[in-house]
Amino acid sequence: MLRLSLHPDHKGERMGQPNDGGRKAPHSLTPIQLESVSDAQELAKMRSGSGVRVVLLMLAVVVATLGGARLLRTLDSRQAYATAAAQLERSDTDQRDAFMRCALPTYQRSQLSLPNALGAEIARATERLGKNYAEVLASCAPLLESFEHAVKGVQAPADVRSPIDRVAGAAQDVGKTWRALEEELRRPGPAYDRVHAAAFIDEINVAWHRYLTARDQAKQALSARL
């Protein structure tokens, strides 16, 4: 009769193997589960960060668009003031000077801002030519009208329209006084009356300085907005 004997250690190993394997199996899945959770958290962070970047980018685009539109409006507004200032300057240096050179052969622009300087120039011209000075003024009439139309045609924004209109009105008054002197010189009579003509010359001088004042005020209003 044969006897089978099992070594206690071998029995223990055989009995313990299934138990050890059962215990180790769950633990072997833990790194996978942790890695899966970590990846999900990282993906969530990336999505969250990407969303923030998209929002910030959209805000930057909106701000840039609004800022650009405002900048364009500012540039357009400044351009309108600059254009009005240039038109006013041209009416002064081109049309006005052309008439003055025609009506007053000795005209010097720098002197006509002085009190009574224009009146003195006109008095010398009328004394030299007498009633014939009316013919000189008649030949210069188109230039005078061009000056008046140039000032009236200045295109200015609404907030500076008032000072520009005052310049245009003052230019019209200058034209009226010159035409009044021409009519006086054409009045029938034996000779040129210096005393009588002096009153008309004074009116031209007064209207001229009103024009200079209105022009300077309009230029200041335009310059303040550039």
Protein backbone atom coordinates (compact mmCIF):
# COMPACT_ATOMS: atom_id res chain seq x y z
CA MET A 1 0.00 0.00 0.00
CA LEU A 2 1.42 3.28 -1.04
CA ARG A 3 1.17 6.43 1.01
CA LEU A 4 1.06 9.85 -0.51
CA SER A 5 2.45 12.60 1.61
CA LEU A 6 2.15 16.25 0.77
CA HIS A 7 4.75 18.65 2.01
CA PRO A 8 3.15 21.38 4.09
CA ASP A 9 5.02 24.09 2.22
CA HIS A 10 3.93 22.77 -1.14
CA LYS A 11 0.36 22.56 0.10
CA GLY A 12 0.55 26.05 1.36
CA GLU A 13 1.91 27.27 -1.94
CA ARG A 14 -0.77 25.47 -3.88
CA MET A 15 -3.50 26.73 -1.66
CA GLY A 16 -2.12 30.23 -1.57
CA GLN A 17 -1.66 30.69 -5.29
CA PRO A 18 -5.30 31.22 -6.18
CA ASN A 19 -5.77 33.53 -3.23
CA ASP A 20 -2.68 35.58 -4.10
CA GLY A 21 -3.77 35.82 -7.72
CA GLY A 22 -7.24 36.92 -6.66
CA ARG A 23 -5.83 39.65 -4.53
CA LYS A 24 -3.29 40.87 -7.08
CA ALA A 25 -5.71 41.12 -10.00
CA PRO A 26 -7.68 44.12 -8.71
CA HIS A 27 -4.48 45.94 -7.77
CA SER A 28 -3.08 45.40 -11.24
CA LEU A 29 -5.94 47.58 -12.74
CA THR A 30 -5.35 50.56 -10.47
CA PRO A 31 -2.63 52.30 -12.59
CA ILE A 32 -4.85 52.01 -15.66
CA GLN A 33 -7.78 53.56 -13.82
CA LEU A 34 -5.61 56.37 -12.43
CA GLU A 35 -4.10 57.05 -15.86
CA SER A 36 -7.57 57.19 -17.39
CA VAL A 37 -8.75 59.70 -14.77
CA SER A 38 -5.59 61.78 -15.21
CA ASP A 39 -6.08 61.90 -18.99
CA ALA A 40 -9.68 63.00 -18.59
CA GLN A 41 -8.69 65.74 -16.19
CA GLU A 42 -5.92 66.91 -18.53
CA LEU A 43 -8.33 66.93 -21.47
CA ALA A 44 -10.83 68.93 -19.44
CA LYS A 45 -8.10 71.43 -18.54
CA MET A 46 -7.04 71.73 -22.15
CA ARG A 47 -10.62 72.28 -23.26
CA SER A 48 -11.13 74.84 -20.52
CA GLY A 49 -7.92 76.68 -21.43
CA SER A 50 -8.78 76.56 -25.11
CA GLY A 51 -12.21 78.03 -24.39
CA VAL A 52 -10.69 80.88 -22.41
CA ARG A 53 -8.26 81.60 -25.24
CA VAL A 54 -11.10 81.63 -27.75
CA VAL A 55 -13.10 84.04 -25.60
CA LEU A 56 -10.08 86.31 -25.14
CA LEU A 57 -9.39 86.21 -28.87
CA MET A 58 -13.01 87.12 -29.64
CA LEU A 59 -12.85 90.00 -27.16
CA ALA A 60 -9.62 91.23 -28.74
CA VAL A 61 -11.23 91.12 -32.19
CA VAL A 62 -14.26 93.06 -30.96
CA VAL A 63 -12.10 95.68 -29.24
CA ALA A 64 -9.90 96.02 -32.32
CA THR A 65 -12.95 96.38 -34.56
CA LEU A 66 -14.56 99.01 -32.36
CA GLY A 67 -11.25 100.83 -31.94
CA GLY A 68 -10.63 100.74 -35.67
CA ALA A 69 -14.08 102.12 -36.43
CA ARG A 70 -13.60 104.88 -33.90
CA LEU A 71 -10.18 105.68 -35.35
CA LEU A 72 -11.65 105.89 -38.84
CA ARG A 73 -14.38 108.23 -37.64
CA THR A 74 -11.78 110.41 -35.95
CA LEU A 75 -9.63 110.50 -39.07
CA ASP A 76 -12.64 111.32 -41.25
CA SER A 77 -13.66 114.09 -38.88
CA ARG A 78 -10.18 115.60 -38.83
CA GLN A 79 -10.01 115.36 -42.59
CA ALA A 80 -13.24 117.35 -42.85
CA TYR A 81 -11.81 120.14 -40.67
CA ALA A 82 -8.53 120.10 -42.58
CA THR A 83 -10.37 120.34 -45.89
CA ALA A 84 -12.43 123.30 -44.66
CA ALA A 85 -9.29 125.06 -43.42
CA ALA A 86 -7.57 124.50 -46.77
CA GLN A 87 -10.57 125.84 -48.69
CA LEU A 88 -10.71 128.93 -46.50
CA GLU A 89 -6.99 129.51 -46.96
CA ARG A 90 -7.23 129.18 -50.74
CA SER A 91 -10.10 131.65 -50.90
CA ASP A 92 -7.90 134.08 -48.99
CA THR A 93 -4.59 133.59 -50.77
CA ASP A 94 -5.87 132.92 -54.28
CA GLN A 95 -9.19 134.62 -55.05
CA ARG A 96 -8.92 137.49 -52.60
CA ASP A 97 -5.32 138.30 -53.48
CA ALA A 98 -6.13 138.10 -57.20
CA PHE A 99 -8.81 140.77 -56.79
CA MET A 100 -6.60 142.96 -54.64
CA ARG A 101 -3.74 142.84 -57.13
CA CYS A 102 -6.17 143.81 -59.87
CA ALA A 103 -7.82 146.68 -57.98
CA LEU A 104 -4.67 147.96 -56.28
CA PRO A 105 -1.48 147.74 -58.39
CA THR A 106 0.66 148.61 -55.35
CA TYR A 107 -1.05 145.95 -53.19
CA GLN A 108 1.11 144.35 -50.51
CA ARG A 109 -0.55 141.61 -48.50
CA SER A 110 1.49 142.21 -45.35
CA GLN A 111 0.36 145.84 -45.07
CA LEU A 112 -3.40 145.32 -45.38
CA SER A 113 -3.78 143.95 -41.85
CA LEU A 114 -2.82 147.37 -40.49
CA PRO A 115 -5.58 149.83 -39.56
CA ASN A 116 -6.54 152.17 -42.42
CA ALA A 117 -3.85 150.67 -44.70
CA LEU A 118 -6.42 149.47 -47.25
CA GLY A 119 -8.25 152.80 -47.17
CA ALA A 120 -5.03 154.66 -47.82
CA GLU A 121 -4.24 152.42 -50.82
CA ILE A 122 -7.70 153.00 -52.32
CA ALA A 123 -7.47 156.76 -51.75
CA ARG A 124 -4.18 156.92 -53.64
CA ALA A 125 -5.64 154.93 -56.53
CA THR A 126 -8.78 157.07 -56.82
CA GLU A 127 -6.83 160.33 -56.61
CA ARG A 128 -4.51 159.17 -59.34
CA LEU A 129 -7.22 157.90 -61.71
CA GLY A 130 -10.25 159.90 -60.58
CA LYS A 131 -13.51 158.65 -62.04
CA ASN A 132 -11.63 156.36 -64.39
CA TYR A 133 -10.95 154.15 -61.40
CA ALA A 134 -14.50 152.85 -61.90
CA GLU A 135 -13.31 151.15 -65.10
CA VAL A 136 -10.54 149.43 -63.19
CA LEU A 137 -13.04 148.13 -60.63
CA ALA A 138 -15.37 146.93 -63.41
CA SER A 139 -12.57 144.87 -64.95
CA CYS A 140 -11.81 143.36 -61.52
CA ALA A 141 -15.46 142.55 -60.71
CA PRO A 142 -15.27 138.87 -61.79
CA LEU A 143 -12.35 138.34 -59.41
CA LEU A 144 -14.30 139.95 -56.57
CA GLU A 145 -17.26 137.67 -57.23
CA SER A 146 -14.97 134.65 -57.37
CA PHE A 147 -13.61 135.58 -53.93
CA GLU A 148 -17.11 135.88 -52.46
CA HIS A 149 -18.21 132.55 -53.95
CA ALA A 150 -15.04 130.81 -52.77
CA VAL A 151 -15.63 131.81 -49.15
CA LYS A 152 -19.32 130.95 -49.34
CA GLY A 153 -18.49 127.55 -50.81
CA VAL A 154 -16.27 126.39 -47.94
CA GLN A 155 -17.57 122.98 -46.81
CA ALA A 156 -17.28 122.69 -43.03
CA PRO A 157 -18.70 120.35 -40.35
CA ALA A 158 -21.83 121.53 -38.56
CA ASP A 159 -20.05 122.49 -35.32
CA VAL A 160 -17.90 125.09 -37.13
CA ARG A 161 -20.48 126.14 -39.69
CA SER A 162 -21.36 129.31 -37.78
CA PRO A 163 -17.89 130.93 -37.87
CA ILE A 164 -17.52 129.97 -41.54
CA ASP A 165 -20.86 131.61 -42.30
CA ARG A 166 -19.68 134.76 -40.56
CA VAL A 167 -16.62 134.85 -42.81
CA ALA A 168 -18.83 134.40 -45.87
CA GLY A 169 -21.10 137.21 -44.70
CA ALA A 170 -18.12 139.48 -44.09
CA ALA A 171 -16.76 138.71 -47.57
CA GLN A 172 -20.14 139.63 -49.07
CA ASP A 173 -20.03 142.94 -47.21
CA VAL A 174 -16.54 143.62 -48.61
CA GLY A 175 -17.88 143.03 -52.10
CA LYS A 176 -20.85 145.33 -51.54
CA THR A 177 -18.66 148.22 -50.39
CA TRP A 178 -16.35 147.90 -53.39
CA ARG A 179 -19.33 147.88 -55.75
CA ALA A 180 -20.75 150.91 -53.97
CA LEU A 181 -17.52 152.83 -54.61
CA GLU A 182 -17.64 151.88 -58.29
CA GLU A 183 -21.21 153.15 -58.57
CA GLU A 184 -20.26 156.40 -56.86
CA LEU A 185 -17.41 156.98 -59.29
CA ARG A 186 -19.77 156.40 -62.20
CA ARG A 187 -22.21 158.96 -60.91
CA PRO A 188 -22.47 161.88 -63.37
CA GLY A 189 -20.42 164.87 -62.33
CA PRO A 190 -17.69 167.19 -63.51
CA ALA A 191 -14.81 165.67 -61.61
CA TYR A 192 -13.75 163.28 -58.86
CA ASP A 193 -14.90 164.42 -55.41
CA ARG A 194 -12.29 163.32 -52.92
CA VAL A 195 -14.31 164.21 -49.83
CA HIS A 196 -17.43 162.46 -51.06
CA ALA A 197 -15.49 159.34 -52.07
CA ALA A 198 -13.80 159.18 -48.69
CA ALA A 199 -17.00 157.95 -47.02
CA PHE A 200 -17.19 154.97 -49.40
CA ILE A 201 -13.53 154.20 -48.91
CA ASP A 202 -14.04 154.19 -45.14
CA GLU A 203 -16.87 151.67 -45.57
CA ILE A 204 -14.55 149.39 -47.52
CA ASN A 205 -11.89 149.66 -44.82
CA VAL A 206 -14.38 148.83 -42.04
CA ALA A 207 -15.84 145.86 -43.94
CA TRP A 208 -12.33 144.62 -44.71
CA HIS A 209 -11.26 144.49 -41.07
CA ARG A 210 -14.52 142.77 -40.11
CA TYR A 211 -13.66 140.16 -42.69
CA LEU A 212 -10.13 139.75 -41.29
CA THR A 213 -11.52 139.29 -37.77
CA ALA A 214 -14.13 136.73 -38.86
CA ARG A 215 -11.54 134.87 -40.92
CA ASP A 216 -9.11 134.61 -37.99
CA GLN A 217 -11.89 133.36 -35.68
CA ALA A 218 -12.90 130.71 -38.21
CA LYS A 219 -9.30 129.56 -38.60
CA GLN A 220 -8.96 129.25 -34.83
CA ALA A 221 -12.18 127.21 -34.62
CA LEU A 222 -10.94 124.83 -37.29
CA SER A 223 -7.43 124.53 -35.84
CA ALA A 224 -8.85 123.65 -32.42
CA ARG A 225 -10.42 120.51 -33.91
CA LEU A 226 -7.43 119.24 -35.85
